[in-house]
Every structure is written in structure tokens, then in C-alpha cells.
Amino acid sequence: MELAAILGSLAGTSRLGGGLATDAGVINVGSPFAALGSFLSASSFVATCLGAVLCLSVALTAVPWTARARQLTIKTAP
């Protein structure tokens, strides 16, 4: 989940830009990695999904077995 937050922050940073009005016209300034904005946003989404799946899998492994499954495991043990 932390990786998703970092990637999302970098995606937001890549969209920063500004302009400066001069006598010659407007000078637009952007971040040097602005082309990576959409990739970073998609990576943030994927990292969020994977983090949620991992958290859910850890939570579900803590659920105790049912009594029937436990009995079957005990009966089949050598």
C-alpha cells in the first residue's frame, strides 16, 4: 500500500507545470518526467489492487479451519 501511495504521489508530481508570461509570449514549464504520468497512475492502481489482495489473503489465512476439514486432515495424516 505504501508503494501505491508513493507512485500516486509521483504521478501527481509529474503533472505539475506552470507558465510565465513574457514579452515574447508564454513560456510553459513542466516536470522532466511528465511523460511518465499515465504510467505512474496505472502503476499506482495496480499496486493498490495487489496490496489489497495480499492483505486479504493474509487476513483469510488467519481464519480457523472448520471442524470437518480438521478431522479429515487428522485422519489422513501418517
C-alpha atoms as a PDB file:
ATOM      1  CA  MET A   1       0.000   0.000   0.000  1.00  0.00           C
ATOM      2  CA  GLU A   2       2.912   2.331   0.670  1.00  0.00           C
ATOM      3  CA  LEU A   3       4.259   1.723  -2.825  1.00  0.00           C
ATOM      4  CA  ALA A   4       0.884   2.734  -4.262  1.00  0.00           C
ATOM      5  CA  ALA A   5       0.963   5.980  -2.288  1.00  0.00           C
ATOM      6  CA  ILE A   6       4.483   6.747  -3.499  1.00  0.00           C
ATOM      7  CA  LEU A   7       3.607   6.024  -7.122  1.00  0.00           C
ATOM      8  CA  GLY A   8       0.450   8.135  -6.840  1.00  0.00           C
ATOM      9  CA  SER A   9       2.451  10.996  -5.412  1.00  0.00           C
ATOM     10  CA  LEU A  10       4.986  10.749  -8.220  1.00  0.00           C
ATOM     11  CA  ALA A  11       2.147  10.710 -10.767  1.00  0.00           C
ATOM     12  CA  GLY A  12       0.777  13.919  -9.247  1.00  0.00           C
ATOM     13  CA  THR A  13       4.216  15.482  -9.243  1.00  0.00           C
ATOM     14  CA  SER A  14       4.719  14.640 -12.900  1.00  0.00           C
ATOM     15  CA  ARG A  15       1.613  16.675 -13.745  1.00  0.00           C
ATOM     16  CA  LEU A  16       2.960  19.842 -12.134  1.00  0.00           C
ATOM     17  CA  GLY A  17       3.616  22.650 -14.511  1.00  0.00           C
ATOM     18  CA  GLY A  18       3.377  26.347 -14.903  1.00  0.00           C
ATOM     19  CA  GLY A  19       3.652  29.181 -17.308  1.00  0.00           C
ATOM     20  CA  LEU A  20       5.381  32.503 -17.350  1.00  0.00           C
ATOM     21  CA  ALA A  21       4.155  35.399 -19.450  1.00  0.00           C
ATOM     22  CA  THR A  22       6.926  37.386 -21.100  1.00  0.00           C
ATOM     23  CA  ASP A  23       7.111  39.968 -23.865  1.00  0.00           C
ATOM     24  CA  ALA A  24       7.962  37.185 -26.308  1.00  0.00           C
ATOM     25  CA  GLY A  25       4.981  35.060 -25.264  1.00  0.00           C
ATOM     26  CA  VAL A  26       4.145  32.448 -22.686  1.00  0.00           C
ATOM     27  CA  ILE A  27       6.856  30.077 -21.512  1.00  0.00           C
ATOM     28  CA  ASN A  28       5.440  26.774 -20.291  1.00  0.00           C
ATOM     29  CA  VAL A  29       7.440  24.795 -17.778  1.00  0.00           C
ATOM     30  CA  GLY A  30       6.760  21.186 -16.794  1.00  0.00           C
ATOM     31  CA  SER A  31       8.445  18.410 -14.916  1.00  0.00           C
ATOM     32  CA  PRO A  32      11.135  16.421 -16.717  1.00  0.00           C
ATOM     33  CA  PHE A  33       9.249  13.146 -16.219  1.00  0.00           C
ATOM     34  CA  ALA A  34       5.804  14.363 -17.313  1.00  0.00           C
ATOM     35  CA  ALA A  35       5.588  11.617 -19.940  1.00  0.00           C
ATOM     36  CA  LEU A  36       5.555   9.026 -17.148  1.00  0.00           C
ATOM     37  CA  GLY A  37       2.375  10.424 -15.542  1.00  0.00           C
ATOM     38  CA  SER A  38      -0.070   7.925 -17.010  1.00  0.00           C
ATOM     39  CA  PHE A  39       2.301   5.012 -16.389  1.00  0.00           C
ATOM     40  CA  LEU A  40       2.750   6.073 -12.772  1.00  0.00           C
ATOM     41  CA  SER A  41      -1.017   6.399 -12.296  1.00  0.00           C
ATOM     42  CA  ALA A  42      -1.601   2.924 -13.722  1.00  0.00           C
ATOM     43  CA  SER A  43       1.230   1.502 -11.610  1.00  0.00           C
ATOM     44  CA  SER A  44      -0.288   3.086  -8.524  1.00  0.00           C
ATOM     45  CA  PHE A  45      -3.646   1.455  -9.296  1.00  0.00           C
ATOM     46  CA  VAL A  46      -2.033  -1.953  -9.849  1.00  0.00           C
ATOM     47  CA  ALA A  47      -0.020  -1.644  -6.640  1.00  0.00           C
ATOM     48  CA  THR A  48      -3.194  -0.737  -4.727  1.00  0.00           C
ATOM     49  CA  CYS A  49      -5.004  -3.792  -6.098  1.00  0.00           C
ATOM     50  CA  LEU A  50      -2.098  -6.119  -5.335  1.00  0.00           C
ATOM     51  CA  GLY A  51      -1.749  -4.681  -1.843  1.00  0.00           C
ATOM     52  CA  ALA A  52      -5.442  -5.222  -1.158  1.00  0.00           C
ATOM     53  CA  VAL A  53      -5.238  -8.809  -2.425  1.00  0.00           C
ATOM     54  CA  LEU A  54      -2.201  -9.503  -0.260  1.00  0.00           C
ATOM     55  CA  CYS A  55      -3.853  -8.007   2.830  1.00  0.00           C
ATOM     56  CA  LEU A  56      -6.993 -10.024   2.171  1.00  0.00           C
ATOM     57  CA  SER A  57      -5.026 -13.231   1.703  1.00  0.00           C
ATOM     58  CA  VAL A  58      -3.206 -12.681   4.999  1.00  0.00           C
ATOM     59  CA  ALA A  59      -6.494 -11.996   6.761  1.00  0.00           C
ATOM     60  CA  LEU A  60      -8.118 -15.111   5.299  1.00  0.00           C
ATOM     61  CA  THR A  61      -5.234 -17.385   6.283  1.00  0.00           C
ATOM     62  CA  ALA A  62      -5.896 -16.423   9.892  1.00  0.00           C
ATOM     63  CA  VAL A  63      -9.439 -17.834   9.680  1.00  0.00           C
ATOM     64  CA  PRO A  64      -9.522 -21.154  11.560  1.00  0.00           C
ATOM     65  CA  TRP A  65     -10.354 -24.328   9.710  1.00  0.00           C
ATOM     66  CA  THR A  66     -13.753 -25.882  10.056  1.00  0.00           C
ATOM     67  CA  ALA A  67     -14.059 -28.920  12.323  1.00  0.00           C
ATOM     68  CA  ARG A  68     -14.741 -31.240   9.358  1.00  0.00           C
ATOM     69  CA  ALA A  69     -11.649 -30.125   7.464  1.00  0.00           C
ATOM     70  CA  ARG A  70      -9.571 -30.530  10.625  1.00  0.00           C
ATOM     71  CA  GLN A  71     -10.877 -34.076  11.142  1.00  0.00           C
ATOM     72  CA  LEU A  72     -10.116 -35.036   7.543  1.00  0.00           C
ATOM     73  CA  THR A  73      -6.590 -33.709   7.897  1.00  0.00           C
ATOM     74  CA  ILE A  74      -6.046 -35.633  11.114  1.00  0.00           C
ATOM     75  CA  LYS A  75      -7.402 -38.876   9.591  1.00  0.00           C
ATOM     76  CA  THR A  76      -5.174 -38.663   6.529  1.00  0.00           C
ATOM     77  CA  ALA A  77      -2.032 -37.804   8.478  1.00  0.00           C
ATOM     78  CA  PRO A  78       0.524 -40.672   8.650  1.00  0.00           C
END
